[in-house]
Amino acid sequence: MEATPEQLAAGEPKGLTPTMCARLRGETPEELSADADAFLTEWTPTELPAPAHLSGGPRGPDVVGPAGTNRGALRYRAKHGKD
C-alpha cells in the first residue's frame, strides 16, 4: 500500500516514513494530522529501555585477587582440567 500525497503531507513533517504515512486515516488534512499525532503518541516509548550489559568490563574479585592474582581463573582451569 502506497501513501497518498495527502498522507505524506500530514506525516512526513512529523517524522513518519512513507510506510507509516500510508497507515494514516482521515478525510481532511486536519484528521490526517491528528492521526499522525496519535500514531506518534502510541508508538513513541515514554521511557528509555534499560541499558544492555556490556561484556569485557572490570573483572570481579573471583577472577583477580587482592594482590593481582588470578585465583578464579586458576580454580576454573583446575576444575576443568585445563592445566
PDB file of N, CA and C in Angstrom:
ATOM      1  N   MET A   1       0.841  -1.155   0.000  1.00  0.00           N
ATOM      2  CA  MET A   1       0.000   0.000   0.000  1.00  0.00           C
ATOM      3  C   MET A   1       0.901   1.238   0.000  1.00  0.00           C
ATOM      4  N   GLU A   2       0.647   2.134  -0.919  1.00  0.00           N
ATOM      5  CA  GLU A   2       1.417   3.374  -1.003  1.00  0.00           C
ATOM      6  C   GLU A   2       0.665   4.511  -0.355  1.00  0.00           C
ATOM      7  N   ALA A   3       1.428   5.429   0.210  1.00  0.00           N
ATOM      8  CA  ALA A   3       0.819   6.603   0.844  1.00  0.00           C
ATOM      9  C   ALA A   3       0.354   7.582  -0.224  1.00  0.00           C
ATOM     10  N   THR A   4      -0.770   8.208   0.053  1.00  0.00           N
ATOM     11  CA  THR A   4      -1.262   9.245  -0.850  1.00  0.00           C
ATOM     12  C   THR A   4      -0.498  10.542  -0.572  1.00  0.00           C
ATOM     13  N   PRO A   5      -0.532  11.483  -1.504  1.00  0.00           N
ATOM     14  CA  PRO A   5       0.135  12.765  -1.248  1.00  0.00           C
ATOM     15  C   PRO A   5      -0.393  13.458   0.011  1.00  0.00           C
ATOM     16  N   GLU A   6      -1.667  13.291   0.300  1.00  0.00           N
ATOM     17  CA  GLU A   6      -2.243  13.896   1.498  1.00  0.00           C
ATOM     18  C   GLU A   6      -1.680  13.256   2.770  1.00  0.00           C
ATOM     19  N   GLN A   7      -1.544  11.935   2.737  1.00  0.00           N
ATOM     20  CA  GLN A   7      -0.975  11.236   3.893  1.00  0.00           C
ATOM     21  C   GLN A   7       0.480  11.647   4.106  1.00  0.00           C
ATOM     22  N   LEU A   8       1.226  11.725   3.012  1.00  0.00           N
ATOM     23  CA  LEU A   8       2.626  12.139   3.113  1.00  0.00           C
ATOM     24  C   LEU A   8       2.740  13.559   3.658  1.00  0.00           C
ATOM     25  N   ALA A   9       1.867  14.457   3.195  1.00  0.00           N
ATOM     26  CA  ALA A   9       1.907  15.848   3.655  1.00  0.00           C
ATOM     27  C   ALA A   9       1.601  15.942   5.146  1.00  0.00           C
ATOM     28  N   ALA A  10       0.786  15.032   5.668  1.00  0.00           N
ATOM     29  CA  ALA A  10       0.439  15.066   7.091  1.00  0.00           C
ATOM     30  C   ALA A  10       1.491  14.379   7.951  1.00  0.00           C
ATOM     31  N   GLY A  11       2.119  13.332   7.444  1.00  0.00           N
ATOM     32  CA  GLY A  11       3.024  12.534   8.273  1.00  0.00           C
ATOM     33  C   GLY A  11       4.490  12.880   8.182  1.00  0.00           C
ATOM     34  N   GLU A  12       4.979  13.227   7.003  1.00  0.00           N
ATOM     35  CA  GLU A  12       6.409  13.478   6.851  1.00  0.00           C
ATOM     36  C   GLU A  12       6.926  14.627   7.713  1.00  0.00           C
ATOM     37  N   PRO A  13       6.207  15.743   7.850  1.00  0.00           N
ATOM     38  CA  PRO A  13       6.717  16.806   8.727  1.00  0.00           C
ATOM     39  C   PRO A  13       6.837  16.380  10.193  1.00  0.00           C
ATOM     40  N   LYS A  14       6.135  15.330  10.564  1.00  0.00           N
ATOM     41  CA  LYS A  14       6.184  14.834  11.934  1.00  0.00           C
ATOM     42  C   LYS A  14       7.221  13.728  12.101  1.00  0.00           C
ATOM     43  N   GLY A  15       7.937  13.406  11.010  1.00  0.00           N
ATOM     44  CA  GLY A  15       8.991  12.401  11.077  1.00  0.00           C
ATOM     45  C   GLY A  15       8.565  10.993  10.719  1.00  0.00           C
ATOM     46  N   LEU A  16       7.374  10.821  10.188  1.00  0.00           N
ATOM     47  CA  LEU A  16       6.922   9.488   9.789  1.00  0.00           C
ATOM     48  C   LEU A  16       7.519   9.114   8.435  1.00  0.00           C
ATOM     49  N   THR A  17       7.812   7.842   8.274  1.00  0.00           N
ATOM     50  CA  THR A  17       8.300   7.341   6.996  1.00  0.00           C
ATOM     51  C   THR A  17       7.126   7.198   6.035  1.00  0.00           C
ATOM     52  N   PRO A  18       7.377   7.072   4.733  1.00  0.00           N
ATOM     53  CA  PRO A  18       6.275   6.857   3.792  1.00  0.00           C
ATOM     54  C   PRO A  18       5.419   5.629   4.125  1.00  0.00           C
ATOM     55  N   THR A  19       6.047   4.564   4.631  1.00  0.00           N
ATOM     56  CA  THR A  19       5.288   3.373   5.010  1.00  0.00           C
ATOM     57  C   THR A  19       4.357   3.680   6.179  1.00  0.00           C
ATOM     58  N   MET A  20       4.844   4.451   7.144  1.00  0.00           N
ATOM     59  CA  MET A  20       3.996   4.840   8.268  1.00  0.00           C
ATOM     60  C   MET A  20       2.877   5.770   7.807  1.00  0.00           C
ATOM     61  N   CYS A  21       3.200   6.682   6.900  1.00  0.00           N
ATOM     62  CA  CYS A  21       2.197   7.617   6.390  1.00  0.00           C
ATOM     63  C   CYS A  21       1.048   6.880   5.709  1.00  0.00           C
ATOM     64  N   ALA A  22       1.346   5.761   5.051  1.00  0.00           N
ATOM     65  CA  ALA A  22       0.309   5.000   4.350  1.00  0.00           C
ATOM     66  C   ALA A  22      -0.742   4.449   5.309  1.00  0.00           C
ATOM     67  N   ARG A  23      -0.436   4.376   6.592  1.00  0.00           N
ATOM     68  CA  ARG A  23      -1.381   3.858   7.581  1.00  0.00           C
ATOM     69  C   ARG A  23      -2.290   4.930   8.162  1.00  0.00           C
ATOM     70  N   LEU A  24      -2.027   6.188   7.839  1.00  0.00           N
ATOM     71  CA  LEU A  24      -2.827   7.270   8.396  1.00  0.00           C
ATOM     72  C   LEU A  24      -4.236   7.238   7.819  1.00  0.00           C
ATOM     73  N   ARG A  25      -5.222   7.575   8.667  1.00  0.00           N
ATOM     74  CA  ARG A  25      -6.615   7.575   8.254  1.00  0.00           C
ATOM     75  C   ARG A  25      -7.231   8.946   8.526  1.00  0.00           C
ATOM     76  N   GLY A  26      -8.063   9.398   7.610  1.00  0.00           N
ATOM     77  CA  GLY A  26      -8.777  10.651   7.757  1.00  0.00           C
ATOM     78  C   GLY A  26      -9.204  11.190   6.408  1.00  0.00           C
ATOM     79  N   GLU A  27     -10.208  12.051   6.434  1.00  0.00           N
ATOM     80  CA  GLU A  27     -10.747  12.634   5.203  1.00  0.00           C
ATOM     81  C   GLU A  27     -10.149  14.009   4.907  1.00  0.00           C
ATOM     82  N   THR A  28      -9.749  14.720   5.958  1.00  0.00           N
ATOM     83  CA  THR A  28      -9.232  16.077   5.782  1.00  0.00           C
ATOM     84  C   THR A  28      -7.777  16.130   6.237  1.00  0.00           C
ATOM     85  N   PRO A  29      -7.050  17.168   5.837  1.00  0.00           N
ATOM     86  CA  PRO A  29      -5.672  17.305   6.321  1.00  0.00           C
ATOM     87  C   PRO A  29      -5.597  17.363   7.853  1.00  0.00           C
ATOM     88  N   GLU A  30      -6.596  17.965   8.476  1.00  0.00           N
ATOM     89  CA  GLU A  30      -6.613  18.049   9.939  1.00  0.00           C
ATOM     90  C   GLU A  30      -6.776  16.670  10.570  1.00  0.00           C
ATOM     91  N   GLU A  31      -7.653  15.846   9.992  1.00  0.00           N
ATOM     92  CA  GLU A  31      -7.859  14.496  10.506  1.00  0.00           C
ATOM     93  C   GLU A  31      -6.608  13.649  10.313  1.00  0.00           C
ATOM     94  N   LEU A  32      -5.967  13.777   9.157  1.00  0.00           N
ATOM     95  CA  LEU A  32      -4.732  13.026   8.906  1.00  0.00           C
ATOM     96  C   LEU A  32      -3.628  13.470   9.867  1.00  0.00           C
ATOM     97  N   SER A  33      -3.526  14.774  10.113  1.00  0.00           N
ATOM     98  CA  SER A  33      -2.524  15.290  11.039  1.00  0.00           C
ATOM     99  C   SER A  33      -2.789  14.794  12.459  1.00  0.00           C
ATOM    100  N   ALA A  34      -4.057  14.773  12.856  1.00  0.00           N
ATOM    101  CA  ALA A  34      -4.409  14.269  14.182  1.00  0.00           C
ATOM    102  C   ALA A  34      -4.093  12.783  14.300  1.00  0.00           C
ATOM    103  N   ASP A  35      -4.315  12.028  13.228  1.00  0.00           N
ATOM    104  CA  ASP A  35      -3.994  10.602  13.243  1.00  0.00           C
ATOM    105  C   ASP A  35      -2.484  10.398  13.319  1.00  0.00           C
ATOM    106  N   ALA A  36      -1.716  11.255  12.651  1.00  0.00           N
ATOM    107  CA  ALA A  36      -0.253  11.170  12.734  1.00  0.00           C
ATOM    108  C   ALA A  36       0.206  11.434  14.163  1.00  0.00           C
ATOM    109  N   ASP A  37      -0.406  12.414  14.824  1.00  0.00           N
ATOM    110  CA  ASP A  37      -0.068  12.693  16.225  1.00  0.00           C
ATOM    111  C   ASP A  37      -0.411  11.504  17.113  1.00  0.00           C
ATOM    112  N   ALA A  38      -1.572  10.906  16.869  1.00  0.00           N
ATOM    113  CA  ALA A  38      -1.979   9.733  17.652  1.00  0.00           C
ATOM    114  C   ALA A  38      -1.026   8.571  17.415  1.00  0.00           C
ATOM    115  N   PHE A  39      -0.610   8.391  16.175  1.00  0.00           N
ATOM    116  CA  PHE A  39       0.344   7.330  15.843  1.00  0.00           C
ATOM    117  C   PHE A  39       1.646   7.542  16.612  1.00  0.00           C
ATOM    118  N   LEU A  40       2.149   8.766  16.607  1.00  0.00           N
ATOM    119  CA  LEU A  40       3.394   9.056  17.313  1.00  0.00           C
ATOM    120  C   LEU A  40       3.248   8.850  18.816  1.00  0.00           C
ATOM    121  N   THR A  41       2.122   9.239  19.373  1.00  0.00           N
ATOM    122  CA  THR A  41       1.895   9.064  20.808  1.00  0.00           C
ATOM    123  C   THR A  41       1.874   7.590  21.174  1.00  0.00           C
ATOM    124  N   GLU A  42       1.238   6.794  20.334  1.00  0.00           N
ATOM    125  CA  GLU A  42       1.115   5.364  20.625  1.00  0.00           C
ATOM    126  C   GLU A  42       2.429   4.622  20.437  1.00  0.00           C
ATOM    127  N   TRP A  43       3.225   5.015  19.468  1.00  0.00           N
ATOM    128  CA  TRP A  43       4.420   4.256  19.120  1.00  0.00           C
ATOM    129  C   TRP A  43       5.716   4.857  19.636  1.00  0.00           C
ATOM    130  N   THR A  44       5.673   5.954  20.348  1.00  0.00           N
ATOM    131  CA  THR A  44       6.877   6.533  20.923  1.00  0.00           C
ATOM    132  C   THR A  44       6.995   6.059  22.360  1.00  0.00           C
ATOM    133  N   PRO A  45       8.119   5.429  22.722  1.00  0.00           N
ATOM    134  CA  PRO A  45       8.258   4.960  24.097  1.00  0.00           C
ATOM    135  C   PRO A  45       8.308   6.137  25.066  1.00  0.00           C
ATOM    136  N   THR A  46       7.667   5.971  26.226  1.00  0.00           N
ATOM    137  CA  THR A  46       7.674   7.027  27.232  1.00  0.00           C
ATOM    138  C   THR A  46       8.919   6.947  28.098  1.00  0.00           C
ATOM    139  N   GLU A  47       9.518   5.773  28.194  1.00  0.00           N
ATOM    140  CA  GLU A  47      10.743   5.588  28.967  1.00  0.00           C
ATOM    141  C   GLU A  47      11.789   4.931  28.085  1.00  0.00           C
ATOM    142  N   LEU A  48      13.026   5.292  28.322  1.00  0.00           N
ATOM    143  CA  LEU A  48      14.107   4.655  27.591  1.00  0.00           C
ATOM    144  C   LEU A  48      14.327   3.255  28.143  1.00  0.00           C
ATOM    145  N   PRO A  49      14.673   2.309  27.282  1.00  0.00           N
ATOM    146  CA  PRO A  49      14.926   0.960  27.774  1.00  0.00           C
ATOM    147  C   PRO A  49      16.174   0.936  28.647  1.00  0.00           C
ATOM    148  N   ALA A  50      16.241  -0.037  29.517  1.00  0.00           N
ATOM    149  CA  ALA A  50      17.410  -0.184  30.385  1.00  0.00           C
ATOM    150  C   ALA A  50      18.632  -0.489  29.523  1.00  0.00           C
ATOM    151  N   PRO A  51      19.781   0.042  29.895  1.00  0.00           N
ATOM    152  CA  PRO A  51      20.980  -0.222  29.092  1.00  0.00           C
ATOM    153  C   PRO A  51      21.364  -1.701  29.141  1.00  0.00           C
ATOM    154  N   ALA A  52      21.844  -2.180  28.044  1.00  0.00           N
ATOM    155  CA  ALA A  52      22.286  -3.576  27.964  1.00  0.00           C
ATOM    156  C   ALA A  52      23.619  -3.717  28.693  1.00  0.00           C
ATOM    157  N   HIS A  53      23.820  -4.849  29.295  1.00  0.00           N
ATOM    158  CA  HIS A  53      25.086  -5.096  29.970  1.00  0.00           C
ATOM    159  C   HIS A  53      26.158  -5.353  28.919  1.00  0.00           C
ATOM    160  N   LEU A  54      27.257  -4.697  29.088  1.00  0.00           N
ATOM    161  CA  LEU A  54      28.354  -4.848  28.149  1.00  0.00           C
ATOM    162  C   LEU A  54      29.345  -5.870  28.679  1.00  0.00           C
ATOM    163  N   SER A  55      29.885  -6.676  27.817  1.00  0.00           N
ATOM    164  CA  SER A  55      30.878  -7.654  28.248  1.00  0.00           C
ATOM    165  C   SER A  55      32.262  -7.018  28.213  1.00  0.00           C
ATOM    166  N   GLY A  56      33.174  -7.646  28.883  1.00  0.00           N
ATOM    167  CA  GLY A  56      34.556  -7.166  28.872  1.00  0.00           C
ATOM    168  C   GLY A  56      34.816  -6.053  29.864  1.00  0.00           C
ATOM    169  N   GLY A  57      33.925  -5.895  30.840  1.00  0.00           N
ATOM    170  CA  GLY A  57      34.091  -4.851  31.833  1.00  0.00           C
ATOM    171  C   GLY A  57      35.111  -5.234  32.889  1.00  0.00           C
ATOM    172  N   PRO A  58      35.141  -4.485  33.982  1.00  0.00           N
ATOM    173  CA  PRO A  58      36.082  -4.783  35.055  1.00  0.00           C
ATOM    174  C   PRO A  58      35.878  -6.198  35.586  1.00  0.00           C
ATOM    175  N   ARG A  59      36.939  -6.813  35.968  1.00  0.00           N
ATOM    176  CA  ARG A  59      36.855  -8.182  36.478  1.00  0.00           C
ATOM    177  C   ARG A  59      36.628  -8.155  37.975  1.00  0.00           C
ATOM    178  N   GLY A  60      35.818  -9.057  38.440  1.00  0.00           N
ATOM    179  CA  GLY A  60      35.481  -9.112  39.855  1.00  0.00           C
ATOM    180  C   GLY A  60      36.545  -9.799  40.677  1.00  0.00           C
ATOM    181  N   PRO A  61      36.340  -9.841  41.995  1.00  0.00           N
ATOM    182  CA  PRO A  61      37.335 -10.428  42.876  1.00  0.00           C
ATOM    183  C   PRO A  61      37.496 -11.926  42.689  1.00  0.00           C
ATOM    184  N   ASP A  62      36.523 -12.586  42.040  1.00  0.00           N
ATOM    185  CA  ASP A  62      36.680 -14.018  41.820  1.00  0.00           C
ATOM    186  C   ASP A  62      37.662 -14.323  40.698  1.00  0.00           C
ATOM    187  N   VAL A  63      38.014 -13.341  39.893  1.00  0.00           N
ATOM    188  CA  VAL A  63      38.951 -13.558  38.800  1.00  0.00           C
ATOM    189  C   VAL A  63      40.317 -12.978  39.144  1.00  0.00           C
ATOM    190  N   VAL A  64      40.324 -11.776  39.672  1.00  0.00           N
ATOM    191  CA  VAL A  64      41.582 -11.151  40.056  1.00  0.00           C
ATOM    192  C   VAL A  64      41.550 -10.930  41.555  1.00  0.00           C
ATOM    193  N   GLY A  65      42.463 -11.553  42.255  1.00  0.00           N
ATOM    194  CA  GLY A  65      42.515 -11.443  43.710  1.00  0.00           C
ATOM    195  C   GLY A  65      43.093 -10.119  44.165  1.00  0.00           C
ATOM    196  N   PRO A  66      43.149  -9.928  45.477  1.00  0.00           N
ATOM    197  CA  PRO A  66      43.598  -8.652  46.024  1.00  0.00           C
ATOM    198  C   PRO A  66      45.039  -8.303  45.672  1.00  0.00           C
ATOM    199  N   ALA A  67      45.873  -9.269  45.479  1.00  0.00           N
ATOM    200  CA  ALA A  67      47.278  -8.980  45.164  1.00  0.00           C
ATOM    201  C   ALA A  67      47.544  -9.123  43.665  1.00  0.00           C
ATOM    202  N   GLY A  68      46.495  -9.074  42.863  1.00  0.00           N
ATOM    203  CA  GLY A  68      46.666  -9.208  41.421  1.00  0.00           C
ATOM    204  C   GLY A  68      46.749 -10.650  40.961  1.00  0.00           C
ATOM    205  N   THR A  69      46.439 -11.573  41.854  1.00  0.00           N
ATOM    206  CA  THR A  69      46.467 -12.982  41.463  1.00  0.00           C
ATOM    207  C   THR A  69      45.227 -13.311  40.659  1.00  0.00           C
ATOM    208  N   ASN A  70      45.241 -14.430  40.058  1.00  0.00           N
ATOM    209  CA  ASN A  70      44.096 -14.855  39.254  1.00  0.00           C
ATOM    210  C   ASN A  70      43.525 -16.146  39.820  1.00  0.00           C
ATOM    211  N   ARG A  71      43.133 -16.098  41.086  1.00  0.00           N
ATOM    212  CA  ARG A  71      42.650 -17.311  41.761  1.00  0.00           C
ATOM    213  C   ARG A  71      41.446 -17.917  41.073  1.00  0.00           C
ATOM    214  N   GLY A  72      40.511 -17.084  40.633  1.00  0.00           N
ATOM    215  CA  GLY A  72      39.323 -17.617  39.979  1.00  0.00           C
ATOM    216  C   GLY A  72      39.662 -18.357  38.702  1.00  0.00           C
ATOM    217  N   ALA A  73      40.564 -17.777  37.933  1.00  0.00           N
ATOM    218  CA  ALA A  73      40.976 -18.425  36.684  1.00  0.00           C
ATOM    219  C   ALA A  73      41.712 -19.725  36.971  1.00  0.00           C
ATOM    220  N   LEU A  74      42.534 -19.715  38.009  1.00  0.00           N
ATOM    221  CA  LEU A  74      43.259 -20.937  38.364  1.00  0.00           C
ATOM    222  C   LEU A  74      42.301 -22.028  38.823  1.00  0.00           C
ATOM    223  N   ARG A  75      41.281 -21.656  39.604  1.00  0.00           N
ATOM    224  CA  ARG A  75      40.284 -22.645  40.042  1.00  0.00           C
ATOM    225  C   ARG A  75      39.529 -23.219  38.849  1.00  0.00           C
ATOM    226  N   TYR A  76      39.156 -22.369  37.911  1.00  0.00           N
ATOM    227  CA  TYR A  76      38.438 -22.828  36.722  1.00  0.00           C
ATOM    228  C   TYR A  76      39.297 -23.814  35.942  1.00  0.00           C
ATOM    229  N   ARG A  77      40.554 -23.444  35.709  1.00  0.00           N
ATOM    230  CA  ARG A  77      41.441 -24.317  34.944  1.00  0.00           C
ATOM    231  C   ARG A  77      41.627 -25.652  35.627  1.00  0.00           C
ATOM    232  N   ALA A  78      41.783 -25.647  36.976  1.00  0.00           N
ATOM    233  CA  ALA A  78      41.965 -26.885  37.706  1.00  0.00           C
ATOM    234  C   ALA A  78      40.694 -27.734  37.652  1.00  0.00           C
ATOM    235  N   LYS A  79      39.541 -27.096  37.820  1.00  0.00           N
ATOM    236  CA  LYS A  79      38.270 -27.819  37.812  1.00  0.00           C
ATOM    237  C   LYS A  79      37.983 -28.484  36.487  1.00  0.00           C
ATOM    238  N   HIS A  80      38.344 -27.809  35.393  1.00  0.00           N
ATOM    239  CA  HIS A  80      38.018 -28.324  34.065  1.00  0.00           C
ATOM    240  C   HIS A  80      39.195 -28.976  33.349  1.00  0.00           C
ATOM    241  N   GLY A  81      40.252 -29.244  34.096  1.00  0.00           N
ATOM    242  CA  GLY A  81      41.383 -29.974  33.554  1.00  0.00           C
ATOM    243  C   GLY A  81      42.111 -29.237  32.437  1.00  0.00           C
ATOM    244  N   LYS A  82      42.209 -27.939  32.565  1.00  0.00           N
ATOM    245  CA  LYS A  82      42.867 -27.142  31.514  1.00  0.00           C
ATOM    246  C   LYS A  82      44.378 -27.048  31.725  1.00  0.00           C
ATOM    247  N   ASP A  83      44.882 -27.481  32.853  1.00  0.00           N
ATOM    248  CA  ASP A  83      46.336 -27.414  33.086  1.00  0.00           C
ATOM    249  C   ASP A  83      46.980 -28.744  32.877  1.00  0.00           C
TER     250      ASP A  83
END
